[in-house]
């Protein structure tokens, strides 16, 4: 179910093959062109947030909304996929039928230039809700950019205690690697027993807010740098 190796290079232009971009040391040589106009001038990357729980206003959803807000401040467009938008049927690759919610979910992912995922830590790992949603990336296996190829993915883990935040963050990183995404250098772990958000629900604490801001900046900057590479800047 994985695209053939040769398909990953189908969209590379001849110039990029002849000489690596000196600014990035050729690190983007495996990236094919993303659908749409990625010209640096006027380019606004679309950053898609996936996360939360079935409960509206969960810590993971609020952290995700905070990070997306920072991405908008940096010049990105954003779209949030949370709550009912990620309550999807159990992913079954042998069943091609998709309901309207699943079709919308995959369509939004296909347009993403960057992704932020926020999950609660349930019994030492990410929730089944988030894992099932991420499994739907399999529907992108034959895309020009299969799975999360060419996209930075910021990761947020929320749990009642540091142990679960660490194992959840590690699991999320492993999944993103399997989906060919680029986990950002910073992943954010939020220990809800320490109140990562203030008690009045106004916003993130200074420490948590600072980390989420860095994470958002890394996702947006990666998308912008890739756009510059695509345009030959």
C-alpha atoms as a PDB file:
ATOM      1  CA  UNK A   1       0.000   0.000   0.000  1.00  0.00           C
ATOM      2  CA  UNK A   2       3.102   2.248  -0.106  1.00  0.00           C
ATOM      3  CA  UNK A   3       3.777   4.210  -3.284  1.00  0.00           C
ATOM      4  CA  UNK A   4       6.633   2.978  -5.464  1.00  0.00           C
ATOM      5  CA  UNK A   5       9.959   4.564  -4.714  1.00  0.00           C
ATOM      6  CA  UNK A   6      10.250   6.126  -8.130  1.00  0.00           C
ATOM      7  CA  UNK A   7       6.979   7.988  -7.700  1.00  0.00           C
ATOM      8  CA  UNK A   8       8.477  10.185  -5.008  1.00  0.00           C
ATOM      9  CA  UNK A   9      10.825  11.788  -7.543  1.00  0.00           C
ATOM     10  CA  UNK A  10       8.321  12.300 -10.348  1.00  0.00           C
ATOM     11  CA  UNK A  11       7.848  16.006  -9.684  1.00  0.00           C
ATOM     12  CA  UNK A  12      11.474  17.099  -9.285  1.00  0.00           C
ATOM     13  CA  UNK A  13      12.602  19.651 -11.829  1.00  0.00           C
ATOM     14  CA  UNK A  14      15.828  19.170 -13.733  1.00  0.00           C
ATOM     15  CA  UNK A  15      17.479  22.175 -12.125  1.00  0.00           C
ATOM     16  CA  UNK A  16      17.111  20.717  -8.661  1.00  0.00           C
ATOM     17  CA  UNK A  17      18.539  17.405  -9.875  1.00  0.00           C
ATOM     18  CA  UNK A  18      21.638  19.100 -11.331  1.00  0.00           C
ATOM     19  CA  UNK A  19      22.620  21.031  -8.221  1.00  0.00           C
ATOM     20  CA  UNK A  20      21.287  20.934  -4.657  1.00  0.00           C
ATOM     21  CA  UNK A  21      19.984  24.177  -3.215  1.00  0.00           C
ATOM     22  CA  UNK A  22      22.977  25.566  -1.348  1.00  0.00           C
ATOM     23  CA  UNK A  23      20.796  27.070   1.356  1.00  0.00           C
ATOM     24  CA  UNK A  24      19.460  23.675   2.417  1.00  0.00           C
ATOM     25  CA  UNK A  25      22.326  21.378   1.442  1.00  0.00           C
ATOM     26  CA  UNK A  26      20.110  19.248  -0.786  1.00  0.00           C
ATOM     27  CA  UNK A  27      17.950  18.060   2.116  1.00  0.00           C
ATOM     28  CA  UNK A  28      14.791  18.604   0.071  1.00  0.00           C
ATOM     29  CA  UNK A  29      15.962  16.497  -2.875  1.00  0.00           C
ATOM     30  CA  UNK A  30      13.316  13.845  -2.179  1.00  0.00           C
ATOM     31  CA  UNK A  31      10.406  16.306  -2.220  1.00  0.00           C
ATOM     32  CA  UNK A  32       8.051  16.494  -5.162  1.00  0.00           C
ATOM     33  CA  UNK A  33       5.975  19.521  -6.051  1.00  0.00           C
ATOM     34  CA  UNK A  34       2.953  20.200  -3.909  1.00  0.00           C
ATOM     35  CA  UNK A  35      -0.345  20.834  -5.633  1.00  0.00           C
ATOM     36  CA  UNK A  36      -1.053  24.545  -5.963  1.00  0.00           C
ATOM     37  CA  UNK A  37       1.012  27.706  -6.235  1.00  0.00           C
ATOM     38  CA  UNK A  38       3.938  27.735  -3.832  1.00  0.00           C
ATOM     39  CA  UNK A  39       5.524  30.955  -5.056  1.00  0.00           C
ATOM     40  CA  UNK A  40       7.220  32.704  -2.178  1.00  0.00           C
ATOM     41  CA  UNK A  41       5.721  36.096  -2.990  1.00  0.00           C
ATOM     42  CA  UNK A  42       2.296  36.283  -1.391  1.00  0.00           C
ATOM     43  CA  UNK A  43       2.438  32.653  -0.344  1.00  0.00           C
ATOM     44  CA  UNK A  44       0.269  31.818   2.689  1.00  0.00           C
ATOM     45  CA  UNK A  45       0.827  28.229   3.833  1.00  0.00           C
ATOM     46  CA  UNK A  46      -2.164  26.259   5.026  1.00  0.00           C
ATOM     47  CA  UNK A  47      -1.501  24.760   8.451  1.00  0.00           C
ATOM     48  CA  UNK A  48      -4.004  22.076   9.427  1.00  0.00           C
ATOM     49  CA  UNK A  49      -4.610  21.219  13.071  1.00  0.00           C
ATOM     50  CA  UNK A  50      -5.787  17.720  14.048  1.00  0.00           C
ATOM     51  CA  UNK A  51      -6.633  16.932  17.622  1.00  0.00           C
ATOM     52  CA  UNK A  52      -8.732  17.249  20.705  1.00  0.00           C
ATOM     53  CA  UNK A  53     -11.229  14.772  22.081  1.00  0.00           C
ATOM     54  CA  UNK A  54     -14.943  14.144  21.754  1.00  0.00           C
ATOM     55  CA  UNK A  55     -15.329  16.713  24.541  1.00  0.00           C
ATOM     56  CA  UNK A  56     -15.385  20.303  23.347  1.00  0.00           C
ATOM     57  CA  UNK A  57     -12.802  22.523  25.007  1.00  0.00           C
ATOM     58  CA  UNK A  58     -10.405  19.782  26.044  1.00  0.00           C
ATOM     59  CA  UNK A  59      -6.847  20.807  26.915  1.00  0.00           C
ATOM     60  CA  UNK A  60      -5.466  19.277  23.736  1.00  0.00           C
ATOM     61  CA  UNK A  61      -8.010  21.146  21.595  1.00  0.00           C
ATOM     62  CA  UNK A  62      -7.276  24.431  23.341  1.00  0.00           C
ATOM     63  CA  UNK A  63      -3.533  23.914  22.932  1.00  0.00           C
ATOM     64  CA  UNK A  64      -4.098  23.192  19.242  1.00  0.00           C
ATOM     65  CA  UNK A  65      -6.217  26.312  18.806  1.00  0.00           C
ATOM     66  CA  UNK A  66      -3.531  28.383  20.538  1.00  0.00           C
ATOM     67  CA  UNK A  67      -0.820  27.036  18.197  1.00  0.00           C
ATOM     68  CA  UNK A  68      -2.968  27.660  15.124  1.00  0.00           C
ATOM     69  CA  UNK A  69      -3.563  31.213  16.311  1.00  0.00           C
ATOM     70  CA  UNK A  70       0.194  31.769  16.462  1.00  0.00           C
ATOM     71  CA  UNK A  71       0.531  30.303  12.963  1.00  0.00           C
ATOM     72  CA  UNK A  72      -1.985  32.864  11.686  1.00  0.00           C
ATOM     73  CA  UNK A  73       0.043  35.644  13.327  1.00  0.00           C
ATOM     74  CA  UNK A  74       3.008  34.399  11.288  1.00  0.00           C
ATOM     75  CA  UNK A  75       1.088  34.747   8.021  1.00  0.00           C
ATOM     76  CA  UNK A  76      -0.429  31.291   7.604  1.00  0.00           C
ATOM     77  CA  UNK A  77      -3.977  30.231   6.902  1.00  0.00           C
ATOM     78  CA  UNK A  78      -5.271  27.546   9.247  1.00  0.00           C
ATOM     79  CA  UNK A  79      -7.986  24.934   9.452  1.00  0.00           C
ATOM     80  CA  UNK A  80      -8.985  23.016  12.567  1.00  0.00           C
ATOM     81  CA  UNK A  81     -10.096  19.379  12.432  1.00  0.00           C
ATOM     82  CA  UNK A  82     -11.302  18.498  15.921  1.00  0.00           C
ATOM     83  CA  UNK A  83     -14.256  17.054  17.795  1.00  0.00           C
ATOM     84  CA  UNK A  84     -16.968  15.766  15.440  1.00  0.00           C
ATOM     85  CA  UNK A  85     -14.740  16.343  12.399  1.00  0.00           C
ATOM     86  CA  UNK A  86     -12.417  13.537  13.483  1.00  0.00           C
ATOM     87  CA  UNK A  87     -15.054  11.117  14.785  1.00  0.00           C
ATOM     88  CA  UNK A  88     -14.593   8.779  11.837  1.00  0.00           C
ATOM     89  CA  UNK A  89     -15.462   5.146  11.155  1.00  0.00           C
ATOM     90  CA  UNK A  90     -12.698   2.709  12.069  1.00  0.00           C
ATOM     91  CA  UNK A  91     -10.262   2.903   9.161  1.00  0.00           C
ATOM     92  CA  UNK A  92     -10.572  -0.137   6.892  1.00  0.00           C
ATOM     93  CA  UNK A  93      -8.227  -0.028   3.877  1.00  0.00           C
ATOM     94  CA  UNK A  94     -10.133  -2.802   2.130  1.00  0.00           C
ATOM     95  CA  UNK A  95     -13.322  -0.692   2.163  1.00  0.00           C
ATOM     96  CA  UNK A  96     -13.133   2.174  -0.359  1.00  0.00           C
ATOM     97  CA  UNK A  97     -16.378   3.831   0.713  1.00  0.00           C
ATOM     98  CA  UNK A  98     -15.930   6.999   2.788  1.00  0.00           C
ATOM     99  CA  UNK A  99     -18.625   9.041   4.488  1.00  0.00           C
ATOM    100  CA  UNK A 100     -18.786  12.812   4.036  1.00  0.00           C
ATOM    101  CA  UNK A 101     -16.774  13.492   7.208  1.00  0.00           C
ATOM    102  CA  UNK A 102     -13.939  11.210   6.117  1.00  0.00           C
ATOM    103  CA  UNK A 103     -13.910  12.681   2.615  1.00  0.00           C
ATOM    104  CA  UNK A 104     -13.659  16.196   4.035  1.00  0.00           C
ATOM    105  CA  UNK A 105     -10.890  15.158   6.436  1.00  0.00           C
ATOM    106  CA  UNK A 106      -8.697  13.703   3.693  1.00  0.00           C
ATOM    107  CA  UNK A 107      -9.426  16.591   1.310  1.00  0.00           C
ATOM    108  CA  UNK A 108      -8.210  19.113   3.899  1.00  0.00           C
ATOM    109  CA  UNK A 109      -5.053  17.078   4.588  1.00  0.00           C
ATOM    110  CA  UNK A 110      -4.253  17.034   0.881  1.00  0.00           C
ATOM    111  CA  UNK A 111      -4.209  20.848   0.826  1.00  0.00           C
ATOM    112  CA  UNK A 112      -2.004  21.167   3.917  1.00  0.00           C
ATOM    113  CA  UNK A 113       1.489  22.646   3.720  1.00  0.00           C
ATOM    114  CA  UNK A 114       2.046  21.905   7.408  1.00  0.00           C
ATOM    115  CA  UNK A 115       0.253  19.980  10.149  1.00  0.00           C
ATOM    116  CA  UNK A 116      -0.072  20.242  13.915  1.00  0.00           C
ATOM    117  CA  UNK A 117      -1.364  17.226  15.865  1.00  0.00           C
ATOM    118  CA  UNK A 118      -2.507  17.421  19.485  1.00  0.00           C
ATOM    119  CA  UNK A 119      -3.497  14.299  21.378  1.00  0.00           C
ATOM    120  CA  UNK A 120      -4.384  13.448  24.952  1.00  0.00           C
ATOM    121  CA  UNK A 121      -2.332  10.715  26.563  1.00  0.00           C
ATOM    122  CA  UNK A 122      -4.576   7.729  27.252  1.00  0.00           C
ATOM    123  CA  UNK A 123      -2.911   4.891  29.153  1.00  0.00           C
ATOM    124  CA  UNK A 124       0.551   5.793  27.948  1.00  0.00           C
ATOM    125  CA  UNK A 125      -0.102   6.654  24.310  1.00  0.00           C
ATOM    126  CA  UNK A 126      -2.189   8.745  21.939  1.00  0.00           C
ATOM    127  CA  UNK A 127      -5.956   8.317  21.907  1.00  0.00           C
ATOM    128  CA  UNK A 128      -7.678   5.898  19.561  1.00  0.00           C
ATOM    129  CA  UNK A 129      -9.613   8.851  18.128  1.00  0.00           C
ATOM    130  CA  UNK A 130      -6.427  10.573  16.947  1.00  0.00           C
ATOM    131  CA  UNK A 131      -4.742   7.359  15.767  1.00  0.00           C
ATOM    132  CA  UNK A 132      -7.779   6.375  13.711  1.00  0.00           C
ATOM    133  CA  UNK A 133      -7.898   9.824  12.115  1.00  0.00           C
ATOM    134  CA  UNK A 134      -4.209   9.646  11.204  1.00  0.00           C
ATOM    135  CA  UNK A 135      -4.771   6.220   9.653  1.00  0.00           C
ATOM    136  CA  UNK A 136      -6.901   7.943   7.016  1.00  0.00           C
ATOM    137  CA  UNK A 137      -3.675   9.382   5.570  1.00  0.00           C
ATOM    138  CA  UNK A 138      -3.423   5.971   3.897  1.00  0.00           C
ATOM    139  CA  UNK A 139      -5.961   7.313   1.381  1.00  0.00           C
ATOM    140  CA  UNK A 140      -3.167   9.664   0.242  1.00  0.00           C
ATOM    141  CA  UNK A 141      -0.750   6.859  -0.574  1.00  0.00           C
ATOM    142  CA  UNK A 142      -0.906   7.420  -4.347  1.00  0.00           C
ATOM    143  CA  UNK A 143      -0.810  11.228  -4.208  1.00  0.00           C
ATOM    144  CA  UNK A 144       2.071  13.143  -5.770  1.00  0.00           C
ATOM    145  CA  UNK A 145       3.039  13.857  -2.185  1.00  0.00           C
ATOM    146  CA  UNK A 146       2.037  10.626  -0.443  1.00  0.00           C
ATOM    147  CA  UNK A 147       1.011  10.668   3.191  1.00  0.00           C
ATOM    148  CA  UNK A 148       2.703  13.633   4.982  1.00  0.00           C
ATOM    149  CA  UNK A 149       5.636  13.872   2.576  1.00  0.00           C
ATOM    150  CA  UNK A 150       7.133  17.361   2.397  1.00  0.00           C
ATOM    151  CA  UNK A 151       5.242  18.675   5.411  1.00  0.00           C
ATOM    152  CA  UNK A 152       6.478  19.690   8.842  1.00  0.00           C
ATOM    153  CA  UNK A 153       4.359  18.230  11.628  1.00  0.00           C
ATOM    154  CA  UNK A 154       4.234  19.845  15.061  1.00  0.00           C
ATOM    155  CA  UNK A 155       3.245  17.524  17.896  1.00  0.00           C
ATOM    156  CA  UNK A 156       1.498  18.260  21.190  1.00  0.00           C
ATOM    157  CA  UNK A 157       0.828  15.711  23.935  1.00  0.00           C
ATOM    158  CA  UNK A 158      -1.417  16.434  26.935  1.00  0.00           C
ATOM    159  CA  UNK A 159      -1.736  14.139  29.925  1.00  0.00           C
ATOM    160  CA  UNK A 160      -2.168  14.102  33.708  1.00  0.00           C
ATOM    161  CA  UNK A 161       1.500  13.495  34.511  1.00  0.00           C
ATOM    162  CA  UNK A 162       4.857  13.742  32.734  1.00  0.00           C
ATOM    163  CA  UNK A 163       5.299  10.030  32.046  1.00  0.00           C
ATOM    164  CA  UNK A 164       2.278   9.815  29.764  1.00  0.00           C
ATOM    165  CA  UNK A 165       3.161  13.049  27.956  1.00  0.00           C
ATOM    166  CA  UNK A 166       6.593  11.649  27.100  1.00  0.00           C
ATOM    167  CA  UNK A 167       5.382   8.286  25.815  1.00  0.00           C
ATOM    168  CA  UNK A 168       2.537   9.909  23.878  1.00  0.00           C
ATOM    169  CA  UNK A 169       4.907  12.372  22.230  1.00  0.00           C
ATOM    170  CA  UNK A 170       7.274   9.536  21.315  1.00  0.00           C
ATOM    171  CA  UNK A 171       4.421   7.537  19.765  1.00  0.00           C
ATOM    172  CA  UNK A 172       3.284  10.548  17.746  1.00  0.00           C
ATOM    173  CA  UNK A 173       6.814  11.076  16.410  1.00  0.00           C
ATOM    174  CA  UNK A 174       7.043   7.445  15.327  1.00  0.00           C
ATOM    175  CA  UNK A 175       3.727   7.710  13.473  1.00  0.00           C
ATOM    176  CA  UNK A 176       4.764  10.901  11.683  1.00  0.00           C
ATOM    177  CA  UNK A 177       8.033   9.287  10.594  1.00  0.00           C
ATOM    178  CA  UNK A 178       6.068   6.325   9.235  1.00  0.00           C
ATOM    179  CA  UNK A 179       3.893   8.783   7.300  1.00  0.00           C
ATOM    180  CA  UNK A 180       7.036  10.410   5.818  1.00  0.00           C
ATOM    181  CA  UNK A 181       6.426  13.678   7.655  1.00  0.00           C
ATOM    182  CA  UNK A 182       9.034  15.884   9.294  1.00  0.00           C
ATOM    183  CA  UNK A 183       8.417  16.169  13.062  1.00  0.00           C
ATOM    184  CA  UNK A 184       9.456  19.613  14.248  1.00  0.00           C
ATOM    185  CA  UNK A 185      12.536  19.779  16.482  1.00  0.00           C
ATOM    186  CA  UNK A 186      10.324  20.890  19.359  1.00  0.00           C
ATOM    187  CA  UNK A 187       7.435  18.759  20.548  1.00  0.00           C
ATOM    188  CA  UNK A 188       5.272  20.197  23.323  1.00  0.00           C
ATOM    189  CA  UNK A 189       4.355  18.135  26.397  1.00  0.00           C
ATOM    190  CA  UNK A 190       1.607  19.597  28.578  1.00  0.00           C
ATOM    191  CA  UNK A 191       1.138  18.157  32.055  1.00  0.00           C
ATOM    192  CA  UNK A 192      -2.465  18.973  32.907  1.00  0.00           C
ATOM    193  CA  UNK A 193      -1.801  18.334  36.617  1.00  0.00           C
ATOM    194  CA  UNK A 194       0.407  21.442  36.470  1.00  0.00           C
ATOM    195  CA  UNK A 195      -2.295  23.450  34.644  1.00  0.00           C
ATOM    196  CA  UNK A 196      -0.738  24.079  31.245  1.00  0.00           C
ATOM    197  CA  UNK A 197      -3.561  26.577  30.739  1.00  0.00           C
ATOM    198  CA  UNK A 198      -4.569  29.072  33.376  1.00  0.00           C
ATOM    199  CA  UNK A 199      -7.424  28.305  35.711  1.00  0.00           C
ATOM    200  CA  UNK A 200      -9.664  30.965  34.165  1.00  0.00           C
ATOM    201  CA  UNK A 201      -9.355  29.321  30.738  1.00  0.00           C
ATOM    202  CA  UNK A 202      -8.149  32.586  29.252  1.00  0.00           C
ATOM    203  CA  UNK A 203      -5.095  31.148  27.544  1.00  0.00           C
ATOM    204  CA  UNK A 204      -1.857  29.261  27.930  1.00  0.00           C
ATOM    205  CA  UNK A 205       0.521  29.793  30.807  1.00  0.00           C
ATOM    206  CA  UNK A 206       3.675  31.715  29.936  1.00  0.00           C
ATOM    207  CA  UNK A 207       5.815  28.572  29.709  1.00  0.00           C
ATOM    208  CA  UNK A 208       3.324  26.549  27.683  1.00  0.00           C
ATOM    209  CA  UNK A 209       2.461  29.493  25.466  1.00  0.00           C
ATOM    210  CA  UNK A 210       6.116  30.064  24.689  1.00  0.00           C
ATOM    211  CA  UNK A 211       6.623  26.456  23.645  1.00  0.00           C
ATOM    212  CA  UNK A 212       3.494  26.395  21.480  1.00  0.00           C
ATOM    213  CA  UNK A 213       4.634  29.616  19.808  1.00  0.00           C
ATOM    214  CA  UNK A 214       8.009  28.066  18.935  1.00  0.00           C
ATOM    215  CA  UNK A 215       6.302  24.940  17.586  1.00  0.00           C
ATOM    216  CA  UNK A 216       3.959  27.003  15.381  1.00  0.00           C
ATOM    217  CA  UNK A 217       6.882  29.050  14.079  1.00  0.00           C
ATOM    218  CA  UNK A 218       8.831  25.921  13.147  1.00  0.00           C
ATOM    219  CA  UNK A 219       5.891  24.502  11.171  1.00  0.00           C
ATOM    220  CA  UNK A 220       5.242  27.775   9.321  1.00  0.00           C
ATOM    221  CA  UNK A 221       8.914  28.446   8.601  1.00  0.00           C
ATOM    222  CA  UNK A 222       9.399  24.973   7.173  1.00  0.00           C
ATOM    223  CA  UNK A 223       6.481  25.535   4.790  1.00  0.00           C
ATOM    224  CA  UNK A 224       7.849  28.940   3.788  1.00  0.00           C
ATOM    225  CA  UNK A 225      11.361  27.592   3.231  1.00  0.00           C
ATOM    226  CA  UNK A 226      10.008  24.788   1.123  1.00  0.00           C
ATOM    227  CA  UNK A 227       8.038  27.303  -0.938  1.00  0.00           C
ATOM    228  CA  UNK A 228      11.215  29.291  -1.483  1.00  0.00           C
ATOM    229  CA  UNK A 229      13.001  26.132  -2.611  1.00  0.00           C
ATOM    230  CA  UNK A 230      10.160  25.280  -4.988  1.00  0.00           C
ATOM    231  CA  UNK A 231      10.282  28.734  -6.547  1.00  0.00           C
ATOM    232  CA  UNK A 232      14.061  28.584  -6.984  1.00  0.00           C
ATOM    233  CA  UNK A 233      14.759  31.452  -4.573  1.00  0.00           C
END
